[in-house]
N, C-alpha and C. Protein backbone atom coordinates (compact mmCIF):
# COMPACT_ATOMS: atom_id res chain seq x y z
N MET A 1 9.91 -50.10 -28.37
CA MET A 1 9.43 -49.56 -27.13
C MET A 1 8.16 -50.27 -26.71
N THR A 2 8.06 -50.51 -25.43
CA THR A 2 6.86 -51.15 -24.93
C THR A 2 5.77 -50.11 -24.71
N TYR A 3 4.59 -50.58 -24.52
CA TYR A 3 3.44 -49.70 -24.32
C TYR A 3 3.62 -48.85 -23.06
N ASP A 4 4.12 -49.46 -21.96
CA ASP A 4 4.33 -48.73 -20.71
C ASP A 4 5.37 -47.62 -20.87
N VAL A 5 6.44 -47.88 -21.58
CA VAL A 5 7.48 -46.88 -21.80
C VAL A 5 6.92 -45.73 -22.64
N MET A 6 6.17 -46.06 -23.70
CA MET A 6 5.57 -45.03 -24.55
C MET A 6 4.57 -44.18 -23.75
N LYS A 7 3.84 -44.82 -22.86
CA LYS A 7 2.87 -44.11 -22.02
C LYS A 7 3.59 -43.14 -21.08
N LYS A 8 4.72 -43.57 -20.48
CA LYS A 8 5.50 -42.71 -19.58
C LYS A 8 6.10 -41.53 -20.33
N VAL A 9 6.60 -41.78 -21.54
CA VAL A 9 7.17 -40.71 -22.36
C VAL A 9 6.09 -39.69 -22.71
N ALA A 10 4.92 -40.18 -23.09
CA ALA A 10 3.82 -39.29 -23.46
C ALA A 10 3.37 -38.46 -22.26
N CYS A 11 3.27 -39.10 -21.10
CA CYS A 11 2.88 -38.39 -19.88
C CYS A 11 3.91 -37.33 -19.50
N THR A 12 5.19 -37.68 -19.62
CA THR A 12 6.26 -36.74 -19.31
C THR A 12 6.21 -35.55 -20.26
N ALA A 13 6.02 -35.80 -21.54
CA ALA A 13 5.94 -34.72 -22.53
C ALA A 13 4.75 -33.82 -22.24
N LEU A 14 3.62 -34.40 -21.90
CA LEU A 14 2.43 -33.63 -21.58
C LEU A 14 2.67 -32.78 -20.33
N ALA A 15 3.26 -33.36 -19.31
CA ALA A 15 3.53 -32.63 -18.07
C ALA A 15 4.48 -31.47 -18.31
N LEU A 16 5.52 -31.70 -19.11
CA LEU A 16 6.47 -30.61 -19.41
C LEU A 16 5.81 -29.48 -20.18
N SER A 17 4.95 -29.83 -21.13
CA SER A 17 4.28 -28.77 -21.90
C SER A 17 3.32 -27.99 -21.01
N LEU A 18 2.65 -28.67 -20.08
CA LEU A 18 1.76 -27.96 -19.16
C LEU A 18 2.55 -27.07 -18.21
N LEU A 19 3.68 -27.54 -17.70
CA LEU A 19 4.51 -26.73 -16.82
C LEU A 19 5.05 -25.51 -17.53
N THR A 20 5.44 -25.67 -18.78
CA THR A 20 5.93 -24.54 -19.56
C THR A 20 4.83 -23.52 -19.75
N ALA A 21 3.61 -23.97 -20.04
CA ALA A 21 2.48 -23.06 -20.19
C ALA A 21 2.20 -22.34 -18.89
N CYS A 22 2.26 -23.06 -17.77
CA CYS A 22 2.03 -22.45 -16.47
C CYS A 22 3.09 -21.41 -16.16
N GLN A 23 4.33 -21.71 -16.50
CA GLN A 23 5.41 -20.78 -16.22
C GLN A 23 5.22 -19.49 -16.99
N THR A 24 4.82 -19.57 -18.25
CA THR A 24 4.59 -18.38 -19.05
C THR A 24 3.43 -17.58 -18.46
N ASP A 25 2.34 -18.26 -18.11
CA ASP A 25 1.21 -17.56 -17.51
C ASP A 25 1.59 -16.95 -16.18
N SER A 26 2.35 -17.67 -15.37
CA SER A 26 2.78 -17.16 -14.07
C SER A 26 3.66 -15.93 -14.24
N ARG A 27 4.57 -15.99 -15.19
CA ARG A 27 5.46 -14.85 -15.43
C ARG A 27 4.64 -13.63 -15.84
N ASN A 28 3.69 -13.82 -16.75
CA ASN A 28 2.83 -12.72 -17.17
C ASN A 28 2.00 -12.20 -16.01
N GLN A 29 1.53 -13.12 -15.19
CA GLN A 29 0.73 -12.73 -14.04
C GLN A 29 1.57 -11.94 -13.04
N VAL A 30 2.78 -12.38 -12.78
CA VAL A 30 3.67 -11.66 -11.86
C VAL A 30 3.98 -10.27 -12.39
N LEU A 31 4.28 -10.16 -13.69
CA LEU A 31 4.56 -8.85 -14.28
C LEU A 31 3.33 -7.96 -14.20
N SER A 32 2.17 -8.51 -14.44
CA SER A 32 0.93 -7.76 -14.37
C SER A 32 0.69 -7.27 -12.95
N VAL A 33 0.88 -8.14 -11.98
CA VAL A 33 0.70 -7.76 -10.58
C VAL A 33 1.71 -6.70 -10.19
N SER A 34 2.95 -6.84 -10.65
CA SER A 34 3.98 -5.87 -10.32
C SER A 34 3.61 -4.49 -10.82
N GLU A 35 3.09 -4.40 -12.05
CA GLU A 35 2.69 -3.11 -12.59
C GLU A 35 1.54 -2.52 -11.80
N SER A 36 0.57 -3.33 -11.41
CA SER A 36 -0.55 -2.81 -10.63
C SER A 36 -0.08 -2.42 -9.23
N GLN A 37 0.88 -3.14 -8.67
CA GLN A 37 1.42 -2.78 -7.37
C GLN A 37 2.17 -1.46 -7.42
N VAL A 38 2.90 -1.21 -8.50
CA VAL A 38 3.61 0.06 -8.65
C VAL A 38 2.61 1.20 -8.75
N ALA A 39 1.55 1.01 -9.51
CA ALA A 39 0.52 2.04 -9.63
C ALA A 39 -0.15 2.29 -8.28
N LEU A 40 -0.45 1.23 -7.55
CA LEU A 40 -1.06 1.37 -6.23
C LEU A 40 -0.11 2.09 -5.27
N ARG A 41 1.15 1.71 -5.29
CA ARG A 41 2.13 2.34 -4.41
C ARG A 41 2.26 3.83 -4.70
N SER A 42 2.17 4.22 -5.97
CA SER A 42 2.27 5.64 -6.29
C SER A 42 1.05 6.41 -5.78
N MET A 43 -0.13 5.77 -5.73
CA MET A 43 -1.31 6.41 -5.15
C MET A 43 -1.18 6.54 -3.64
N GLN A 44 -0.48 5.59 -3.04
CA GLN A 44 -0.40 5.50 -1.59
C GLN A 44 0.72 6.33 -0.98
N SER A 45 1.59 6.91 -1.77
CA SER A 45 2.80 7.55 -1.23
C SER A 45 2.91 9.01 -1.64
N ARG A 46 3.42 9.83 -0.70
CA ARG A 46 3.73 11.22 -0.97
C ARG A 46 5.00 11.58 -0.19
N ALA A 47 5.82 12.39 -0.81
CA ALA A 47 7.03 12.89 -0.14
C ALA A 47 6.77 14.32 0.30
N PHE A 48 7.21 14.64 1.50
CA PHE A 48 7.04 15.98 2.05
C PHE A 48 8.41 16.56 2.37
N ASP A 49 8.54 17.87 2.17
CA ASP A 49 9.80 18.56 2.40
C ASP A 49 9.97 18.88 3.88
N THR A 50 10.20 17.87 4.65
CA THR A 50 10.47 18.01 6.07
C THR A 50 11.26 16.80 6.54
N THR A 51 12.02 16.97 7.58
CA THR A 51 12.73 15.84 8.18
C THR A 51 12.22 15.57 9.59
N ASP A 52 11.21 16.34 10.01
CA ASP A 52 10.65 16.20 11.35
C ASP A 52 9.57 15.11 11.34
N LYS A 53 10.01 13.88 11.59
CA LYS A 53 9.08 12.75 11.56
C LYS A 53 8.05 12.81 12.68
N ALA A 54 8.45 13.29 13.84
CA ALA A 54 7.52 13.36 14.97
C ALA A 54 6.38 14.34 14.66
N LYS A 55 6.71 15.50 14.13
CA LYS A 55 5.68 16.48 13.77
C LYS A 55 4.79 15.93 12.64
N THR A 56 5.40 15.23 11.70
CA THR A 56 4.65 14.62 10.61
C THR A 56 3.66 13.60 11.16
N GLN A 57 4.10 12.78 12.11
CA GLN A 57 3.22 11.78 12.70
C GLN A 57 2.06 12.44 13.45
N ARG A 58 2.35 13.50 14.18
CA ARG A 58 1.27 14.21 14.89
C ARG A 58 0.26 14.80 13.89
N THR A 59 0.77 15.32 12.80
CA THR A 59 -0.11 15.90 11.77
C THR A 59 -0.96 14.82 11.12
N ILE A 60 -0.37 13.64 10.89
CA ILE A 60 -1.13 12.51 10.31
C ILE A 60 -2.25 12.10 11.26
N ILE A 61 -1.95 12.00 12.55
CA ILE A 61 -2.97 11.63 13.53
C ILE A 61 -4.11 12.63 13.52
N ALA A 62 -3.78 13.92 13.52
CA ALA A 62 -4.82 14.96 13.50
C ALA A 62 -5.64 14.89 12.21
N THR A 63 -4.97 14.65 11.10
CA THR A 63 -5.67 14.56 9.80
C THR A 63 -6.62 13.37 9.78
N LEU A 64 -6.16 12.23 10.24
CA LEU A 64 -7.02 11.05 10.28
C LEU A 64 -8.25 11.31 11.17
N GLN A 65 -8.03 11.94 12.31
CA GLN A 65 -9.15 12.25 13.19
C GLN A 65 -10.11 13.23 12.53
N ASP A 66 -9.58 14.23 11.83
CA ASP A 66 -10.43 15.18 11.10
C ASP A 66 -11.28 14.48 10.04
N LEU A 67 -10.74 13.41 9.47
CA LEU A 67 -11.47 12.65 8.44
C LEU A 67 -12.42 11.61 9.03
N GLY A 68 -12.56 11.58 10.36
CA GLY A 68 -13.50 10.68 11.00
C GLY A 68 -12.94 9.35 11.42
N PHE A 69 -11.61 9.20 11.42
CA PHE A 69 -10.98 7.96 11.85
C PHE A 69 -10.75 7.99 13.36
N VAL A 70 -10.75 6.81 13.95
CA VAL A 70 -10.38 6.63 15.35
C VAL A 70 -9.01 5.97 15.34
N ILE A 71 -8.07 6.56 16.05
CA ILE A 71 -6.70 6.03 16.09
C ILE A 71 -6.69 4.76 16.92
N ASP A 72 -6.24 3.68 16.31
CA ASP A 72 -6.13 2.39 17.00
C ASP A 72 -4.77 2.23 17.66
N LYS A 73 -3.73 2.63 16.93
CA LYS A 73 -2.37 2.44 17.43
C LYS A 73 -1.44 3.41 16.73
N ALA A 74 -0.54 3.98 17.51
CA ALA A 74 0.49 4.85 16.94
C ALA A 74 1.82 4.44 17.57
N ASP A 75 2.80 4.17 16.74
CA ASP A 75 4.12 3.76 17.22
C ASP A 75 5.16 4.71 16.64
N ALA A 76 5.64 5.62 17.48
CA ALA A 76 6.60 6.63 17.03
C ALA A 76 7.92 6.00 16.61
N THR A 77 8.32 4.92 17.27
CA THR A 77 9.59 4.27 16.94
C THR A 77 9.54 3.66 15.54
N LEU A 78 8.46 2.97 15.24
CA LEU A 78 8.31 2.36 13.91
C LEU A 78 7.84 3.35 12.87
N GLY A 79 7.24 4.44 13.32
CA GLY A 79 6.71 5.43 12.40
C GLY A 79 5.41 5.00 11.75
N THR A 80 4.55 4.29 12.50
CA THR A 80 3.29 3.82 11.94
C THR A 80 2.10 4.31 12.76
N ILE A 81 1.02 4.57 12.08
CA ILE A 81 -0.24 4.95 12.70
C ILE A 81 -1.32 4.10 12.05
N SER A 82 -2.16 3.46 12.87
CA SER A 82 -3.28 2.67 12.36
C SER A 82 -4.56 3.28 12.89
N ALA A 83 -5.55 3.39 12.01
CA ALA A 83 -6.82 4.00 12.40
C ALA A 83 -7.97 3.29 11.68
N THR A 84 -9.17 3.39 12.27
CA THR A 84 -10.36 2.79 11.69
C THR A 84 -11.45 3.84 11.58
N LYS A 85 -12.17 3.78 10.47
CA LYS A 85 -13.30 4.68 10.25
C LYS A 85 -14.55 3.83 10.24
N LEU A 86 -15.45 4.11 11.18
CA LEU A 86 -16.69 3.35 11.29
C LEU A 86 -17.86 4.27 10.97
N ASN A 87 -18.03 4.55 9.71
CA ASN A 87 -19.11 5.43 9.27
C ASN A 87 -19.99 4.66 8.30
N GLY A 88 -20.71 3.67 8.82
CA GLY A 88 -21.52 2.83 7.97
C GLY A 88 -20.72 1.69 7.34
N TYR A 89 -19.43 1.73 7.47
CA TYR A 89 -18.54 0.69 6.94
C TYR A 89 -17.27 0.71 7.78
N ALA A 90 -16.48 -0.32 7.65
CA ALA A 90 -15.24 -0.41 8.43
C ALA A 90 -14.05 -0.29 7.48
N MET A 91 -13.45 0.88 7.46
CA MET A 91 -12.24 1.07 6.66
C MET A 91 -11.08 1.27 7.63
N ARG A 92 -10.03 0.55 7.38
CA ARG A 92 -8.83 0.66 8.22
C ARG A 92 -7.71 1.25 7.36
N MET A 93 -7.00 2.20 7.94
CA MET A 93 -5.88 2.81 7.23
C MET A 93 -4.65 2.74 8.12
N THR A 94 -3.56 2.29 7.53
CA THR A 94 -2.28 2.28 8.21
C THR A 94 -1.36 3.21 7.44
N VAL A 95 -0.74 4.13 8.16
CA VAL A 95 0.13 5.12 7.54
C VAL A 95 1.52 4.95 8.14
N SER A 96 2.52 4.91 7.27
CA SER A 96 3.90 4.81 7.74
C SER A 96 4.66 6.05 7.31
N VAL A 97 5.62 6.42 8.15
CA VAL A 97 6.45 7.60 7.92
C VAL A 97 7.91 7.15 7.97
N ARG A 98 8.67 7.52 6.93
CA ARG A 98 10.09 7.17 6.94
C ARG A 98 10.88 8.24 6.20
N ASP A 99 12.17 8.26 6.44
CA ASP A 99 13.06 9.21 5.77
C ASP A 99 13.06 8.93 4.27
N HIS A 100 13.18 10.02 3.52
CA HIS A 100 13.23 9.91 2.06
C HIS A 100 14.31 10.89 1.59
N GLY A 101 15.53 10.40 1.51
CA GLY A 101 16.63 11.29 1.17
C GLY A 101 17.02 12.14 2.37
N ALA A 102 17.80 13.16 2.13
CA ALA A 102 18.32 13.99 3.22
C ALA A 102 17.34 15.05 3.70
N LYS A 103 16.38 15.44 2.85
CA LYS A 103 15.53 16.57 3.20
C LYS A 103 14.04 16.29 3.13
N GLN A 104 13.67 15.02 2.95
CA GLN A 104 12.25 14.71 2.82
C GLN A 104 11.83 13.54 3.71
N THR A 105 10.54 13.49 3.92
CA THR A 105 9.91 12.38 4.64
C THR A 105 8.88 11.78 3.72
N LEU A 106 8.86 10.45 3.64
CA LEU A 106 7.90 9.74 2.80
C LEU A 106 6.76 9.23 3.67
N VAL A 107 5.54 9.53 3.24
CA VAL A 107 4.34 9.07 3.93
C VAL A 107 3.64 8.09 3.00
N ARG A 108 3.36 6.91 3.52
CA ARG A 108 2.66 5.89 2.72
C ARG A 108 1.44 5.42 3.49
N ALA A 109 0.30 5.47 2.83
CA ALA A 109 -0.97 5.05 3.43
C ALA A 109 -1.44 3.77 2.75
N SER A 110 -1.96 2.87 3.55
CA SER A 110 -2.50 1.62 3.03
C SER A 110 -3.88 1.45 3.64
N ALA A 111 -4.91 1.41 2.79
CA ALA A 111 -6.28 1.31 3.27
C ALA A 111 -6.87 -0.05 2.95
N GLN A 112 -7.72 -0.51 3.86
CA GLN A 112 -8.40 -1.80 3.69
C GLN A 112 -9.87 -1.63 4.04
N TYR A 113 -10.70 -2.34 3.31
CA TYR A 113 -12.12 -2.42 3.60
C TYR A 113 -12.45 -3.90 3.73
N ASN A 114 -12.94 -4.29 4.91
CA ASN A 114 -13.22 -5.71 5.18
C ASN A 114 -12.02 -6.59 4.85
N GLN A 115 -10.85 -6.20 5.26
CA GLN A 115 -9.59 -6.92 5.08
C GLN A 115 -9.19 -7.11 3.62
N THR A 116 -9.73 -6.28 2.73
CA THR A 116 -9.36 -6.29 1.32
C THR A 116 -8.72 -4.95 1.00
N ALA A 117 -7.56 -4.98 0.38
CA ALA A 117 -6.85 -3.74 0.05
C ALA A 117 -7.70 -2.87 -0.86
N ILE A 118 -7.73 -1.60 -0.58
CA ILE A 118 -8.47 -0.64 -1.41
C ILE A 118 -7.55 -0.17 -2.51
N GLU A 119 -7.98 -0.37 -3.75
CA GLU A 119 -7.19 0.05 -4.91
C GLU A 119 -7.78 1.26 -5.59
N ASP A 120 -8.93 1.73 -5.13
CA ASP A 120 -9.56 2.93 -5.65
C ASP A 120 -8.74 4.15 -5.19
N PRO A 121 -8.38 5.05 -6.08
CA PRO A 121 -7.55 6.18 -5.69
C PRO A 121 -8.25 7.21 -4.79
N GLN A 122 -9.57 7.25 -4.78
CA GLN A 122 -10.31 8.28 -4.07
C GLN A 122 -9.99 8.40 -2.57
N PRO A 123 -9.99 7.32 -1.79
CA PRO A 123 -9.66 7.47 -0.36
C PRO A 123 -8.24 8.00 -0.14
N TYR A 124 -7.30 7.59 -1.00
CA TYR A 124 -5.92 8.05 -0.86
C TYR A 124 -5.82 9.53 -1.22
N GLN A 125 -6.52 9.93 -2.28
CA GLN A 125 -6.51 11.34 -2.69
C GLN A 125 -7.11 12.20 -1.59
N GLN A 126 -8.21 11.74 -1.01
CA GLN A 126 -8.86 12.49 0.07
C GLN A 126 -7.91 12.64 1.27
N PHE A 127 -7.26 11.55 1.65
CA PHE A 127 -6.34 11.61 2.78
C PHE A 127 -5.17 12.54 2.49
N PHE A 128 -4.54 12.38 1.33
CA PHE A 128 -3.34 13.18 1.04
C PHE A 128 -3.67 14.65 0.79
N THR A 129 -4.84 14.95 0.25
CA THR A 129 -5.24 16.35 0.09
C THR A 129 -5.37 17.01 1.46
N ALA A 130 -6.04 16.33 2.38
CA ALA A 130 -6.19 16.85 3.74
C ALA A 130 -4.83 16.94 4.44
N LEU A 131 -3.99 15.92 4.26
CA LEU A 131 -2.67 15.92 4.90
C LEU A 131 -1.79 17.03 4.34
N GLU A 132 -1.82 17.26 3.04
CA GLU A 132 -1.00 18.32 2.45
C GLU A 132 -1.39 19.68 3.01
N LYS A 133 -2.69 19.92 3.17
CA LYS A 133 -3.15 21.19 3.76
C LYS A 133 -2.67 21.31 5.20
N ALA A 134 -2.81 20.22 5.95
CA ALA A 134 -2.39 20.24 7.35
C ALA A 134 -0.88 20.41 7.48
N MET A 135 -0.11 19.76 6.60
CA MET A 135 1.35 19.91 6.63
C MET A 135 1.74 21.34 6.31
N PHE A 136 1.05 21.97 5.36
CA PHE A 136 1.33 23.36 5.02
C PHE A 136 1.07 24.26 6.22
N LEU A 137 -0.09 24.06 6.87
CA LEU A 137 -0.43 24.88 8.03
C LEU A 137 0.53 24.63 9.19
N THR A 138 0.93 23.39 9.39
CA THR A 138 1.88 23.05 10.45
C THR A 138 3.24 23.69 10.18
N ALA A 139 3.67 23.64 8.95
CA ALA A 139 4.97 24.22 8.58
C ALA A 139 5.00 25.73 8.77
N HIS A 140 3.82 26.36 8.64
CA HIS A 140 3.74 27.82 8.78
C HIS A 140 3.14 28.24 10.12
N ASP A 141 3.12 27.30 11.06
CA ASP A 141 2.62 27.55 12.42
C ASP A 141 1.27 28.23 12.45
N ALA A 142 0.37 27.81 11.57
CA ALA A 142 -0.97 28.35 11.53
C ALA A 142 -1.94 27.33 12.08
N ASP A 143 -3.00 27.81 12.69
CA ASP A 143 -4.04 26.89 13.22
C ASP A 143 -5.27 27.02 12.40
């Protein structure tokens, strides 16, 4: 074998070993991200025992306003509501409403602070606690 051929073989072997290492790290990274995404999604989602999406959307809008948010956009057809809270900081929350089985509606909230997804459970817990109370009162026609 000539020196050039040996050099190419060595470079190819090195490149393959680096690619294999990257693939293993990438796979672990993807699995890690997937687990954190599942945990985040579970914080962001709640199912409610209602099929009335329009009433659910109205209740979400009222809840967001009660929490100090200003509604930026509401689309009944898509089932999305976007709002911003400007209380010393800019937090944006987008809430989607969709069917969940035959008797439930799924509400999913996604919050961002300075265009970075919020992974802290506290804002989601605060929103869903207020929404659950409002949904209960709405379901029982109480003000």
